[in-house]
Amino acid sequence: MTSDRIARGYLQEAQTRRIALDALFGARGYPAVVRESQDLVELVLKGALRFVGVEPPKRHDVHDVVQHFIDRFPEEWLRALTELSGALTELAQDRAPAFYGKEDEDIPPSELFGEDDARRAMAIADRLLDLYARLLREKR
């Protein structure tokens, strides 16, 4: 279902998760910051797709779908997604290890993700959240 109302609800959810990121970072929960940043990014990208009339696929990483419909977005989205493409793929791939670790190797998430990883994930989330908020404000 594509919907302006759902897209705006996703913005509110993403903004709430952004507040949680600060708390998790302050508690040194760096793997949780990575995981929650991915969830925030997923909400933003799926909300953006809904906002421009595209039903998002039922998977976690949808930045390639946004790129496919980039002509429906302001030009700054193309620049951001081009710059962040590799980082978005990596963040999506980090989603499960940030939660479970590498169970087959007996490595907990805390040994996989540190402060720098959390900062990078938050920076990606912040950039996309800003773009999304502006998209929704511009097209009222």
Foldseek 3Di string as FASTA:
>chain_A
DQDLVLLVVLLVVLVVLLVVLVVCVVVFLQLVLLQSLLVSVQSLVCSVCSPLPHHADPDSQGLVVCVVVVVSAPPVSVVLCVVCVVVNVVSSVSNVCSPANPVVVPGHNSVVGGSVSSVSSSVNSVVSSVRSVVRSVVPD
